[in-house]
Every structure is written in C-alpha cells, then in structure tokens.
PDB file of N, CA and C in Angstrom:
ATOM      1  N   MET A   1       9.425  73.901 -89.754  1.00  0.00           N
ATOM      2  CA  MET A   1       8.640  74.856 -88.782  1.00  0.00           C
ATOM      3  C   MET A   1       9.316  76.259 -88.907  1.00  0.00           C
ATOM      4  N   LEU A   2      10.902  75.731 -88.302  1.00  0.00           N
ATOM      5  CA  LEU A   2      11.540  76.787 -88.356  1.00  0.00           C
ATOM      6  C   LEU A   2      12.163  77.630 -89.850  1.00  0.00           C
ATOM      7  N   ASP A   3      12.224  76.920 -90.656  1.00  0.00           N
ATOM      8  CA  ASP A   3      11.906  77.730 -92.347  1.00  0.00           C
ATOM      9  C   ASP A   3      10.810  78.341 -92.464  1.00  0.00           C
ATOM     10  N   ARG A   4       9.148  77.701 -91.773  1.00  0.00           N
ATOM     11  CA  ARG A   4       8.499  78.286 -92.350  1.00  0.00           C
ATOM     12  C   ARG A   4       8.151  80.034 -91.586  1.00  0.00           C
ATOM     13  N   LEU A   5       8.804  79.348 -90.195  1.00  0.00           N
ATOM     14  CA  LEU A   5       8.629  80.425 -89.155  1.00  0.00           C
ATOM     15  C   LEU A   5       9.828  81.579 -89.848  1.00  0.00           C
ATOM     16  N   ASP A   6      10.697  80.912 -90.442  1.00  0.00           N
ATOM     17  CA  ASP A   6      12.258  82.676 -90.962  1.00  0.00           C
ATOM     18  C   ASP A   6      11.267  83.468 -91.400  1.00  0.00           C
ATOM     19  N   GLU A   7      10.060  82.159 -92.727  1.00  0.00           N
ATOM     20  CA  GLU A   7       9.699  83.004 -93.888  1.00  0.00           C
ATOM     21  C   GLU A   7       8.500  84.085 -93.707  1.00  0.00           C
ATOM     22  N   ILE A   8       7.986  83.426 -92.303  1.00  0.00           N
ATOM     23  CA  ILE A   8       6.411  84.460 -92.056  1.00  0.00           C
ATOM     24  C   ILE A   8       7.548  86.241 -90.848  1.00  0.00           C
ATOM     25  N   GLU A   9       8.337  85.634 -90.616  1.00  0.00           N
ATOM     26  CA  GLU A   9       9.685  86.773 -90.151  1.00  0.00           C
ATOM     27  C   GLU A   9      10.068  87.875 -91.583  1.00  0.00           C
ATOM     28  N   ARG A  10      10.186  87.336 -92.299  1.00  0.00           N
ATOM     29  CA  ARG A  10      10.729  88.577 -93.462  1.00  0.00           C
ATOM     30  C   ARG A  10       9.306  88.844 -93.884  1.00  0.00           C
ATOM     31  N   ASP A  11       8.541  87.997 -94.249  1.00  0.00           N
ATOM     32  CA  ASP A  11       7.236  88.372 -94.706  1.00  0.00           C
ATOM     33  C   ASP A  11       6.481  89.948 -93.750  1.00  0.00           C
ATOM     34  N   LEU A  12       6.953  89.309 -92.655  1.00  0.00           N
ATOM     35  CA  LEU A  12       6.402  91.012 -91.906  1.00  0.00           C
ATOM     36  C   LEU A  12       7.264  91.678 -91.811  1.00  0.00           C
ATOM     37  N   HIS A  13       8.831  91.617 -91.984  1.00  0.00           N
ATOM     38  CA  HIS A  13       9.089  93.065 -91.714  1.00  0.00           C
ATOM     39  C   HIS A  13       9.289  94.098 -93.149  1.00  0.00           C
ATOM     40  N   ASP A  14       8.901  93.040 -94.345  1.00  0.00           N
ATOM     41  CA  ASP A  14       8.435  93.908 -95.395  1.00  0.00           C
ATOM     42  C   ASP A  14       7.134  94.392 -95.296  1.00  0.00           C
ATOM     43  N   ARG A  15       6.240  93.538 -94.808  1.00  0.00           N
ATOM     44  CA  ARG A  15       4.841  94.541 -94.006  1.00  0.00           C
ATOM     45  C   ARG A  15       4.940  95.681 -93.326  1.00  0.00           C
ATOM     46  N   ARG A  16       6.307  95.798 -92.266  1.00  0.00           N
ATOM     47  CA  ARG A  16       6.234  96.550 -91.509  1.00  0.00           C
ATOM     48  C   ARG A  16       6.778  98.149 -92.752  1.00  0.00           C
ATOM     49  N   ASP A  17       8.460  97.667 -93.795  1.00  0.00           N
ATOM     50  CA  ASP A  17       8.599  98.638 -94.102  1.00  0.00           C
ATOM     51  C   ASP A  17       7.469  99.350 -94.688  1.00  0.00           C
ATOM     52  N   ARG A  18       6.686  98.548 -94.978  1.00  0.00           N
ATOM     53  CA  ARG A  18       5.093  99.321 -96.871  1.00  0.00           C
ATOM     54  C   ARG A  18       5.027 100.107 -95.097  1.00  0.00           C
ATOM     55  N   ALA A  19       4.484  99.260 -94.560  1.00  0.00           N
ATOM     56  CA  ALA A  19       3.770 100.438 -93.216  1.00  0.00           C
ATOM     57  C   ALA A  19       4.176 101.696 -93.100  1.00  0.00           C
ATOM     58  N   LYS A  20       5.662 101.681 -92.081  1.00  0.00           N
ATOM     59  CA  LYS A  20       6.498 103.076 -91.582  1.00  0.00           C
ATOM     60  C   LYS A  20       6.072 103.856 -93.260  1.00  0.00           C
ATOM     61  N   HIS A  21       6.523 103.612 -94.738  1.00  0.00           N
ATOM     62  CA  HIS A  21       6.539 104.214 -95.102  1.00  0.00           C
ATOM     63  C   HIS A  21       5.067 105.313 -95.852  1.00  0.00           C
ATOM     64  N   GLU A  22       4.190 104.413 -95.715  1.00  0.00           N
ATOM     65  CA  GLU A  22       2.946 104.590 -95.736  1.00  0.00           C
ATOM     66  C   GLU A  22       1.925 105.040 -94.343  1.00  0.00           C
ATOM     67  N   GLY A  23       2.692 105.139 -93.032  1.00  0.00           N
ATOM     68  CA  GLY A  23       2.611 106.030 -92.120  1.00  0.00           C
ATOM     69  C   GLY A  23       1.316 105.521 -91.691  1.00  0.00           C
ATOM     70  N   TRP A  24       1.146 103.790 -91.469  1.00  0.00           N
ATOM     71  CA  TRP A  24       0.519 103.196 -90.755  1.00  0.00           C
ATOM     72  C   TRP A  24       1.014 103.274 -89.326  1.00  0.00           C
ATOM     73  N   LEU A  25       0.892 103.697 -88.271  1.00  0.00           N
ATOM     74  CA  LEU A  25       1.519 103.713 -87.027  1.00  0.00           C
ATOM     75  C   LEU A  25       0.564 102.381 -86.525  1.00  0.00           C
ATOM     76  N   GLY A  26      -0.595 101.695 -85.816  1.00  0.00           N
ATOM     77  CA  GLY A  26      -1.467 101.060 -85.609  1.00  0.00           C
ATOM     78  C   GLY A  26      -0.847 100.102 -86.499  1.00  0.00           C
ATOM     79  N   GLU A  27      -0.898  99.393 -87.796  1.00  0.00           N
ATOM     80  CA  GLU A  27      -0.166  98.672 -87.927  1.00  0.00           C
ATOM     81  C   GLU A  27       1.146  97.939 -88.130  1.00  0.00           C
ATOM     82  N   ILE A  28       1.989  99.641 -87.680  1.00  0.00           N
ATOM     83  CA  ILE A  28       3.863  98.991 -87.387  1.00  0.00           C
ATOM     84  C   ILE A  28       3.145  98.155 -86.141  1.00  0.00           C
ATOM     85  N   GLU A  29       2.750  98.797 -84.904  1.00  0.00           N
ATOM     86  CA  GLU A  29       2.312  98.345 -83.287  1.00  0.00           C
ATOM     87  C   GLU A  29       2.173  97.666 -83.668  1.00  0.00           C
ATOM     88  N   GLY A  30       1.017  96.528 -84.472  1.00  0.00           N
ATOM     89  CA  GLY A  30       0.424  95.690 -84.344  1.00  0.00           C
ATOM     90  C   GLY A  30       1.834  93.624 -84.655  1.00  0.00           C
ATOM     91  N   ILE A  31       2.153  94.475 -86.632  1.00  0.00           N
ATOM     92  CA  ILE A  31       3.475  93.608 -86.636  1.00  0.00           C
ATOM     93  C   ILE A  31       4.698  94.017 -85.530  1.00  0.00           C
ATOM     94  N   ASP A  32       5.013  94.609 -85.033  1.00  0.00           N
ATOM     95  CA  ASP A  32       6.116  94.339 -83.687  1.00  0.00           C
ATOM     96  C   ASP A  32       5.516  93.829 -82.741  1.00  0.00           C
ATOM     97  N   LEU A  33       4.401  94.031 -81.854  1.00  0.00           N
ATOM     98  CA  LEU A  33       4.123  92.341 -81.084  1.00  0.00           C
ATOM     99  C   LEU A  33       4.248  91.636 -81.261  1.00  0.00           C
ATOM    100  N   THR A  34       3.713  90.780 -83.392  1.00  0.00           N
ATOM    101  CA  THR A  34       3.755  90.246 -84.209  1.00  0.00           C
ATOM    102  C   THR A  34       4.715  89.392 -84.117  1.00  0.00           C
ATOM    103  N   LEU A  35       5.684  90.500 -84.096  1.00  0.00           N
ATOM    104  CA  LEU A  35       7.275  90.126 -84.290  1.00  0.00           C
ATOM    105  C   LEU A  35       7.980  89.251 -83.282  1.00  0.00           C
ATOM    106  N   SER A  36       7.841  90.008 -81.847  1.00  0.00           N
ATOM    107  CA  SER A  36       7.635  89.316 -80.392  1.00  0.00           C
ATOM    108  C   SER A  36       7.999  88.330 -79.845  1.00  0.00           C
ATOM    109  N   LEU A  37       5.879  87.925 -80.889  1.00  0.00           N
ATOM    110  CA  LEU A  37       5.240  86.547 -80.462  1.00  0.00           C
ATOM    111  C   LEU A  37       6.162  85.518 -81.119  1.00  0.00           C
ATOM    112  N   LEU A  38       6.414  85.936 -82.550  1.00  0.00           N
ATOM    113  CA  LEU A  38       7.155  85.240 -83.793  1.00  0.00           C
ATOM    114  C   LEU A  38       8.439  84.531 -82.629  1.00  0.00           C
ATOM    115  N   ASP A  39       9.172  85.324 -82.240  1.00  0.00           N
ATOM    116  CA  ASP A  39      10.313  85.703 -81.815  1.00  0.00           C
ATOM    117  C   ASP A  39      10.269  84.383 -80.570  1.00  0.00           C
ATOM    118  N   GLN A  40       9.433  84.687 -79.664  1.00  0.00           N
ATOM    119  CA  GLN A  40       8.810  83.642 -78.537  1.00  0.00           C
ATOM    120  C   GLN A  40       8.656  82.513 -79.476  1.00  0.00           C
ATOM    121  N   LYS A  41       8.146  82.234 -80.160  1.00  0.00           N
ATOM    122  CA  LYS A  41       7.517  80.654 -80.806  1.00  0.00           C
ATOM    123  C   LYS A  41       8.826  80.269 -81.778  1.00  0.00           C
ATOM    124  N   ARG A  42       9.809  80.211 -82.409  1.00  0.00           N
ATOM    125  CA  ARG A  42      11.023  80.147 -82.648  1.00  0.00           C
ATOM    126  C   ARG A  42      11.429  79.591 -81.284  1.00  0.00           C
ATOM    127  N   THR A  43      12.113  80.488 -80.288  1.00  0.00           N
ATOM    128  CA  THR A  43      12.803  79.766 -79.669  1.00  0.00           C
ATOM    129  C   THR A  43      11.739  79.099 -78.739  1.00  0.00           C
ATOM    130  N   GLU A  44      10.621  78.193 -78.704  1.00  0.00           N
ATOM    131  CA  GLU A  44      10.086  77.873 -78.366  1.00  0.00           C
ATOM    132  C   GLU A  44       9.913  76.215 -79.308  1.00  0.00           C
ATOM    133  N   ALA A  45      10.027  76.441 -80.458  1.00  0.00           N
ATOM    134  CA  ALA A  45      10.040  75.381 -81.313  1.00  0.00           C
ATOM    135  C   ALA A  45      11.187  75.215 -81.812  1.00  0.00           C
ATOM    136  N   ARG A  46      12.268  75.423 -81.466  1.00  0.00           N
ATOM    137  CA  ARG A  46      14.059  75.362 -81.193  1.00  0.00           C
ATOM    138  C   ARG A  46      13.999  74.132 -79.438  1.00  0.00           C
ATOM    139  N   ARG A  47      13.483  74.252 -78.807  1.00  0.00           N
ATOM    140  CA  ARG A  47      13.719  74.380 -77.893  1.00  0.00           C
ATOM    141  C   ARG A  47      12.636  72.241 -77.772  1.00  0.00           C
ATOM    142  N   LEU A  48      11.797  72.362 -78.462  1.00  0.00           N
ATOM    143  CA  LEU A  48      11.121  71.249 -78.834  1.00  0.00           C
ATOM    144  C   LEU A  48      11.873  70.516 -79.611  1.00  0.00           C
ATOM    145  N   VAL A  49      12.249  70.833 -80.451  1.00  0.00           N
ATOM    146  CA  VAL A  49      13.792  70.204 -81.611  1.00  0.00           C
ATOM    147  C   VAL A  49      14.619  69.425 -80.086  1.00  0.00           C
ATOM    148  N   HIS A  50      15.039  69.981 -79.674  1.00  0.00           N
ATOM    149  CA  HIS A  50      16.060  68.835 -78.845  1.00  0.00           C
ATOM    150  C   HIS A  50      15.177  68.339 -78.091  1.00  0.00           C
ATOM    151  N   GLN A  51      14.169  67.742 -77.978  1.00  0.00           N
ATOM    152  CA  GLN A  51      13.934  67.457 -76.865  1.00  0.00           C
ATOM    153  C   GLN A  51      13.050  65.295 -77.299  1.00  0.00           C
ATOM    154  N   PRO A  52      13.442  64.887 -77.045  1.00  0.00           N
ATOM    155  CA  PRO A  52      13.196  63.459 -77.264  1.00  0.00           C
ATOM    156  C   PRO A  52      11.849  63.343 -77.929  1.00  0.00           C
ATOM    157  N   ALA A  53      11.420  62.305 -78.483  1.00  0.00           N
ATOM    158  CA  ALA A  53      10.270  62.578 -79.431  1.00  0.00           C
ATOM    159  C   ALA A  53       9.128  61.923 -78.168  1.00  0.00           C
ATOM    160  N   THR A  54      10.184  60.312 -77.874  1.00  0.00           N
ATOM    161  CA  THR A  54       9.395  59.616 -76.770  1.00  0.00           C
ATOM    162  C   THR A  54       9.556  59.592 -74.887  1.00  0.00           C
ATOM    163  N   VAL A  55       9.092  59.840 -74.525  1.00  0.00           N
ATOM    164  CA  VAL A  55       8.942  59.661 -73.150  1.00  0.00           C
ATOM    165  C   VAL A  55       9.347  57.598 -72.472  1.00  0.00           C
ATOM    166  N   ASP A  56      10.707  57.408 -71.617  1.00  0.00           N
ATOM    167  CA  ASP A  56       9.976  56.032 -70.792  1.00  0.00           C
ATOM    168  C   ASP A  56       9.586  56.081 -70.092  1.00  0.00           C
ATOM    169  N   LEU A  57       8.443  55.578 -69.802  1.00  0.00           N
ATOM    170  CA  LEU A  57       7.735  55.611 -68.459  1.00  0.00           C
ATOM    171  C   LEU A  57       8.362  54.613 -67.620  1.00  0.00           C
ATOM    172  N   GLY A  58       9.122  53.556 -68.153  1.00  0.00           N
ATOM    173  CA  GLY A  58       9.127  52.747 -67.456  1.00  0.00           C
ATOM    174  C   GLY A  58       7.825  51.685 -67.069  1.00  0.00           C
ATOM    175  N   MET A  59       8.082  50.145 -66.429  1.00  0.00           N
ATOM    176  CA  MET A  59       6.508  48.782 -66.507  1.00  0.00           C
ATOM    177  C   MET A  59       6.632  49.379 -65.443  1.00  0.00           C
ATOM    178  N   PRO A  60       4.997  49.243 -65.803  1.00  0.00           N
ATOM    179  CA  PRO A  60       3.834  48.894 -64.108  1.00  0.00           C
ATOM    180  C   PRO A  60       4.326  48.424 -63.983  1.00  0.00           C
ATOM    181  N   ARG A  61       3.921  48.580 -62.112  1.00  0.00           N
ATOM    182  CA  ARG A  61       4.024  47.110 -60.886  1.00  0.00           C
ATOM    183  C   ARG A  61       2.675  46.991 -60.472  1.00  0.00           C
ATOM    184  N   PHE A  62       2.457  45.924 -60.333  1.00  0.00           N
ATOM    185  CA  PHE A  62       1.035  45.647 -60.213  1.00  0.00           C
ATOM    186  C   PHE A  62       1.744  44.862 -59.131  1.00  0.00           C
ATOM    187  N   THR A  63       0.170  44.450 -58.260  1.00  0.00           N
ATOM    188  CA  THR A  63       0.471  44.552 -56.789  1.00  0.00           C
ATOM    189  C   THR A  63      -0.069  43.600 -56.215  1.00  0.00           C
ATOM    190  N   PRO A  64      -0.351  42.637 -55.377  1.00  0.00           N
ATOM    191  CA  PRO A  64      -1.927  41.548 -55.820  1.00  0.00           C
ATOM    192  C   PRO A  64      -2.819  42.152 -54.862  1.00  0.00           C
ATOM    193  N   LEU A  65      -4.213  41.503 -55.313  1.00  0.00           N
ATOM    194  CA  LEU A  65      -5.050  41.816 -54.973  1.00  0.00           C
ATOM    195  C   LEU A  65      -5.238  41.395 -53.840  1.00  0.00           C
ATOM    196  N   ALA A  66      -5.542  41.715 -52.647  1.00  0.00           N
ATOM    197  CA  ALA A  66      -5.357  41.217 -51.206  1.00  0.00           C
ATOM    198  C   ALA A  66      -7.057  40.691 -51.205  1.00  0.00           C
TER     199      ALA A  66
END
C-alpha cells in the first residue's frame, strides 16, 4: 500500500507542476489539498503496518444460570 501511495504522490507532483505551468490556480489548490490528505493517509498506513493483525480477546467465562 505504501508503494502505491508513493506512486500517487509522484503523479500528483507532476500534475501540480503542469498546473503551475499552465496557470491553473484552482487545480493547484485542489492538488495541494489532496497531497496533504495523502500525507495523512500514509501516516495512518504506516501506523497500521506496525499493529498486530489479531487481537487476543481471551477466553470467555460462563456463569451458571440460577
């Protein structure tokens, strides 16, 4: 997943460079927003990579019915 996010980031930087060259200010603003959200997504993905895949919930205890 991190490789794909890196690929998307490279593409966004290329698109931003073109938008800057063409003078598309609205496009630049949108790409900048997307880049900041992508950075948040990358941070979250890195955090999830280091979490265990399973959680030990323990054994349930059964109480006798009265």
